[in-house]
Amino acid sequence: MIIVVRDEDASKENLRILHELGHVFLHSMCIGFYQMDDVVVRKKEREAQTFATLVLFPSLDNFETEKEFILRSGLPEQTAKLRINFFRKTGI
């Protein structure tokens, strides 16, 4: 179950829903298990957030610069940088 806070703007709701779906798709074997290792938890959170940004922005072709993407995407800056880093590593 994914709970959405209705007082958030639509872009935050979409990001939150996609982030949680990322956990389902990427980490479904781990659901229900408490993770104590902070490094593993941070990695899984970063993976889920990257998944969400890939669904929202499958391409960065509409943006001329990284700064423009950060400003126009509506994503939190750290999250936008995850998407940019994925592009740098993969070209996608």
N, C-alpha and C. Protein backbone atom coordinates (compact mmCIF):
# COMPACT_ATOMS: atom_id res chain seq x y z
N MET A 1 0.84 -1.17 0.00
CA MET A 1 0.00 0.00 0.00
C MET A 1 0.89 1.24 0.00
N ILE A 2 0.52 2.21 -0.84
CA ILE A 2 1.23 3.48 -0.90
C ILE A 2 0.27 4.56 -0.44
N ILE A 3 0.71 5.31 0.55
CA ILE A 3 -0.12 6.39 1.08
C ILE A 3 0.40 7.71 0.52
N VAL A 4 -0.51 8.50 -0.01
CA VAL A 4 -0.15 9.79 -0.60
C VAL A 4 -0.74 10.90 0.25
N VAL A 5 0.09 11.86 0.59
CA VAL A 5 -0.36 13.03 1.34
C VAL A 5 -0.98 13.99 0.34
N ARG A 6 -2.26 14.27 0.49
CA ARG A 6 -3.00 15.06 -0.50
C ARG A 6 -2.69 16.54 -0.46
N ASP A 7 -2.01 17.04 0.55
CA ASP A 7 -1.73 18.47 0.56
C ASP A 7 -0.42 18.80 -0.17
N GLU A 8 0.23 17.80 -0.72
CA GLU A 8 1.42 18.04 -1.52
C GLU A 8 1.00 18.42 -2.94
N ASP A 9 1.90 19.09 -3.66
CA ASP A 9 1.57 19.38 -5.05
C ASP A 9 1.70 18.10 -5.87
N ALA A 10 1.13 18.11 -7.05
CA ALA A 10 1.04 16.90 -7.88
C ALA A 10 2.41 16.33 -8.22
N SER A 11 3.41 17.17 -8.47
CA SER A 11 4.73 16.65 -8.84
C SER A 11 5.36 15.89 -7.67
N LYS A 12 5.15 16.37 -6.45
CA LYS A 12 5.68 15.65 -5.28
C LYS A 12 4.93 14.35 -5.07
N GLU A 13 3.62 14.36 -5.27
CA GLU A 13 2.83 13.13 -5.16
C GLU A 13 3.32 12.10 -6.16
N ASN A 14 3.49 12.51 -7.42
CA ASN A 14 3.95 11.60 -8.45
C ASN A 14 5.32 11.03 -8.11
N LEU A 15 6.22 11.88 -7.66
CA LEU A 15 7.56 11.44 -7.29
C LEU A 15 7.49 10.43 -6.15
N ARG A 16 6.68 10.71 -5.15
CA ARG A 16 6.56 9.81 -3.99
C ARG A 16 5.99 8.45 -4.42
N ILE A 17 4.95 8.47 -5.24
CA ILE A 17 4.34 7.21 -5.71
C ILE A 17 5.34 6.40 -6.52
N LEU A 18 6.02 7.05 -7.45
CA LEU A 18 7.01 6.36 -8.28
C LEU A 18 8.18 5.86 -7.45
N HIS A 19 8.59 6.61 -6.46
CA HIS A 19 9.66 6.18 -5.56
C HIS A 19 9.25 4.88 -4.87
N GLU A 20 8.04 4.84 -4.35
CA GLU A 20 7.58 3.63 -3.65
C GLU A 20 7.41 2.46 -4.61
N LEU A 21 6.94 2.73 -5.83
CA LEU A 21 6.87 1.67 -6.83
C LEU A 21 8.27 1.17 -7.19
N GLY A 22 9.25 2.06 -7.17
CA GLY A 22 10.64 1.65 -7.38
C GLY A 22 11.07 0.63 -6.36
N HIS A 23 10.70 0.85 -5.11
CA HIS A 23 11.02 -0.15 -4.08
C HIS A 23 10.37 -1.49 -4.40
N VAL A 24 9.11 -1.45 -4.85
CA VAL A 24 8.41 -2.70 -5.18
C VAL A 24 9.12 -3.42 -6.32
N PHE A 25 9.43 -2.70 -7.40
CA PHE A 25 10.05 -3.33 -8.56
C PHE A 25 11.50 -3.75 -8.32
N LEU A 26 12.24 -2.93 -7.60
CA LEU A 26 13.67 -3.19 -7.42
C LEU A 26 14.01 -4.02 -6.20
N HIS A 27 13.19 -3.91 -5.16
CA HIS A 27 13.56 -4.51 -3.88
C HIS A 27 12.47 -5.41 -3.31
N SER A 28 11.64 -5.98 -4.18
CA SER A 28 10.48 -6.74 -3.68
C SER A 28 10.88 -7.92 -2.81
N MET A 29 12.07 -8.45 -2.99
CA MET A 29 12.52 -9.57 -2.16
C MET A 29 12.79 -9.11 -0.72
N CYS A 30 12.96 -7.80 -0.53
CA CYS A 30 13.32 -7.27 0.79
C CYS A 30 12.13 -6.70 1.55
N ILE A 31 10.96 -6.59 0.90
CA ILE A 31 9.82 -5.96 1.55
C ILE A 31 9.41 -6.79 2.76
N GLY A 32 9.22 -6.11 3.87
CA GLY A 32 8.84 -6.78 5.11
C GLY A 32 10.02 -7.07 6.00
N PHE A 33 11.23 -6.86 5.51
CA PHE A 33 12.42 -7.08 6.32
C PHE A 33 12.96 -5.75 6.79
N TYR A 34 13.30 -5.66 8.04
CA TYR A 34 13.88 -4.44 8.59
C TYR A 34 15.35 -4.41 8.22
N GLN A 35 15.80 -3.32 7.64
CA GLN A 35 17.17 -3.17 7.21
C GLN A 35 17.91 -2.29 8.21
N MET A 36 18.94 -2.84 8.84
CA MET A 36 19.66 -2.09 9.87
C MET A 36 20.91 -1.40 9.34
N ASP A 37 21.42 -1.85 8.23
CA ASP A 37 22.65 -1.31 7.68
C ASP A 37 22.34 0.01 6.96
N ASP A 38 22.82 1.13 7.51
CA ASP A 38 22.54 2.45 6.94
C ASP A 38 23.03 2.59 5.50
N VAL A 39 24.15 1.97 5.18
CA VAL A 39 24.68 2.06 3.83
C VAL A 39 23.73 1.38 2.85
N VAL A 40 23.22 0.24 3.21
CA VAL A 40 22.27 -0.49 2.35
C VAL A 40 20.97 0.29 2.22
N VAL A 41 20.50 0.85 3.31
CA VAL A 41 19.26 1.63 3.28
C VAL A 41 19.42 2.84 2.35
N ARG A 42 20.51 3.56 2.48
CA ARG A 42 20.75 4.73 1.62
C ARG A 42 20.84 4.32 0.15
N LYS A 43 21.48 3.19 -0.12
CA LYS A 43 21.60 2.69 -1.49
C LYS A 43 20.22 2.37 -2.07
N LYS A 44 19.39 1.69 -1.30
CA LYS A 44 18.05 1.34 -1.77
C LYS A 44 17.19 2.59 -1.97
N GLU A 45 17.32 3.56 -1.10
CA GLU A 45 16.58 4.81 -1.26
C GLU A 45 17.02 5.55 -2.52
N ARG A 46 18.33 5.58 -2.76
CA ARG A 46 18.87 6.24 -3.95
C ARG A 46 18.40 5.51 -5.22
N GLU A 47 18.37 4.18 -5.19
CA GLU A 47 17.90 3.40 -6.34
C GLU A 47 16.42 3.68 -6.62
N ALA A 48 15.60 3.71 -5.58
CA ALA A 48 14.17 3.97 -5.75
C ALA A 48 13.95 5.39 -6.28
N GLN A 49 14.71 6.33 -5.80
CA GLN A 49 14.56 7.71 -6.26
C GLN A 49 15.02 7.85 -7.71
N THR A 50 16.10 7.16 -8.07
CA THR A 50 16.56 7.18 -9.45
C THR A 50 15.52 6.56 -10.37
N PHE A 51 14.92 5.45 -9.95
CA PHE A 51 13.84 4.82 -10.71
C PHE A 51 12.73 5.83 -10.97
N ALA A 52 12.32 6.54 -9.94
CA ALA A 52 11.22 7.52 -10.07
C ALA A 52 11.59 8.60 -11.08
N THR A 53 12.82 9.08 -11.04
CA THR A 53 13.21 10.14 -11.98
C THR A 53 13.28 9.63 -13.40
N LEU A 54 13.64 8.35 -13.59
CA LEU A 54 13.68 7.78 -14.94
C LEU A 54 12.29 7.65 -15.54
N VAL A 55 11.32 7.32 -14.70
CA VAL A 55 9.94 7.23 -15.19
C VAL A 55 9.41 8.62 -15.53
N LEU A 56 9.68 9.58 -14.66
CA LEU A 56 9.20 10.96 -14.90
C LEU A 56 9.92 11.62 -16.08
N PHE A 57 11.20 11.35 -16.21
CA PHE A 57 12.02 11.98 -17.25
C PHE A 57 12.85 10.91 -17.96
N PRO A 58 12.21 10.15 -18.88
CA PRO A 58 12.94 9.09 -19.57
C PRO A 58 14.05 9.64 -20.48
N SER A 59 13.98 10.91 -20.79
CA SER A 59 14.99 11.55 -21.62
C SER A 59 15.28 12.95 -21.07
N LEU A 60 16.52 13.37 -21.27
CA LEU A 60 16.88 14.73 -20.89
C LEU A 60 17.06 15.61 -22.13
N ASP A 61 16.59 15.12 -23.27
CA ASP A 61 16.78 15.83 -24.54
C ASP A 61 16.14 17.21 -24.57
N ASN A 62 15.10 17.43 -23.81
CA ASN A 62 14.40 18.71 -23.84
C ASN A 62 15.10 19.80 -23.02
N PHE A 63 16.21 19.45 -22.42
CA PHE A 63 16.93 20.40 -21.57
C PHE A 63 18.32 20.63 -22.15
N GLU A 64 18.68 21.90 -22.29
CA GLU A 64 19.98 22.21 -22.89
C GLU A 64 21.14 22.05 -21.92
N THR A 65 20.89 22.34 -20.64
CA THR A 65 21.95 22.24 -19.65
C THR A 65 21.44 21.50 -18.41
N GLU A 66 22.37 21.03 -17.62
CA GLU A 66 22.00 20.38 -16.35
C GLU A 66 21.30 21.37 -15.43
N LYS A 67 21.79 22.59 -15.40
CA LYS A 67 21.18 23.61 -14.55
C LYS A 67 19.73 23.87 -14.97
N GLU A 68 19.48 23.90 -16.26
CA GLU A 68 18.11 24.08 -16.75
C GLU A 68 17.22 22.93 -16.28
N PHE A 69 17.74 21.69 -16.36
CA PHE A 69 16.96 20.55 -15.90
C PHE A 69 16.63 20.68 -14.42
N ILE A 70 17.61 21.04 -13.62
CA ILE A 70 17.39 21.20 -12.18
C ILE A 70 16.32 22.25 -11.92
N LEU A 71 16.36 23.35 -12.64
CA LEU A 71 15.41 24.45 -12.42
C LEU A 71 14.01 24.12 -12.95
N ARG A 72 13.93 23.51 -14.13
CA ARG A 72 12.63 23.31 -14.78
C ARG A 72 11.95 21.99 -14.45
N SER A 73 12.69 21.01 -13.95
CA SER A 73 12.10 19.68 -13.74
C SER A 73 11.07 19.65 -12.62
N GLY A 74 11.20 20.57 -11.66
CA GLY A 74 10.30 20.55 -10.51
C GLY A 74 10.74 19.55 -9.46
N LEU A 75 11.85 18.87 -9.71
CA LEU A 75 12.37 17.90 -8.74
C LEU A 75 13.20 18.62 -7.69
N PRO A 76 13.26 18.04 -6.48
CA PRO A 76 14.23 18.57 -5.51
C PRO A 76 15.64 18.48 -6.14
N GLU A 77 16.49 19.41 -5.81
CA GLU A 77 17.81 19.48 -6.46
C GLU A 77 18.59 18.17 -6.35
N GLN A 78 18.61 17.57 -5.15
CA GLN A 78 19.35 16.31 -4.98
C GLN A 78 18.79 15.23 -5.88
N THR A 79 17.48 15.18 -6.03
CA THR A 79 16.84 14.17 -6.86
C THR A 79 17.16 14.42 -8.34
N ALA A 80 17.13 15.68 -8.75
CA ALA A 80 17.48 16.02 -10.14
C ALA A 80 18.92 15.60 -10.43
N LYS A 81 19.79 15.77 -9.47
CA LYS A 81 21.20 15.39 -9.66
C LYS A 81 21.35 13.87 -9.78
N LEU A 82 20.50 13.09 -9.11
CA LEU A 82 20.53 11.63 -9.29
C LEU A 82 20.23 11.28 -10.74
N ARG A 83 19.22 11.96 -11.31
CA ARG A 83 18.84 11.69 -12.71
C ARG A 83 19.97 12.09 -13.64
N ILE A 84 20.62 13.21 -13.39
CA ILE A 84 21.74 13.66 -14.22
C ILE A 84 22.89 12.67 -14.12
N ASN A 85 23.20 12.21 -12.92
CA ASN A 85 24.30 11.26 -12.75
C ASN A 85 24.02 9.95 -13.48
N PHE A 86 22.74 9.50 -13.47
CA PHE A 86 22.39 8.29 -14.21
C PHE A 86 22.64 8.51 -15.70
N PHE A 87 22.28 9.67 -16.20
CA PHE A 87 22.51 9.99 -17.60
C PHE A 87 24.01 9.97 -17.92
N ARG A 88 24.81 10.57 -17.05
CA ARG A 88 26.26 10.60 -17.26
C ARG A 88 26.85 9.20 -17.35
N LYS A 89 26.36 8.30 -16.50
CA LYS A 89 26.89 6.94 -16.45
C LYS A 89 26.42 6.07 -17.60
N THR A 90 25.17 6.28 -18.04
CA THR A 90 24.56 5.36 -19.00
C THR A 90 24.24 5.97 -20.36
N GLY A 91 24.15 7.29 -20.42
CA GLY A 91 23.74 7.93 -21.66
C GLY A 91 22.24 7.92 -21.87
N ILE A 92 21.53 7.39 -20.89
CA ILE A 92 20.06 7.31 -20.96
C ILE A 92 19.46 8.41 -20.13
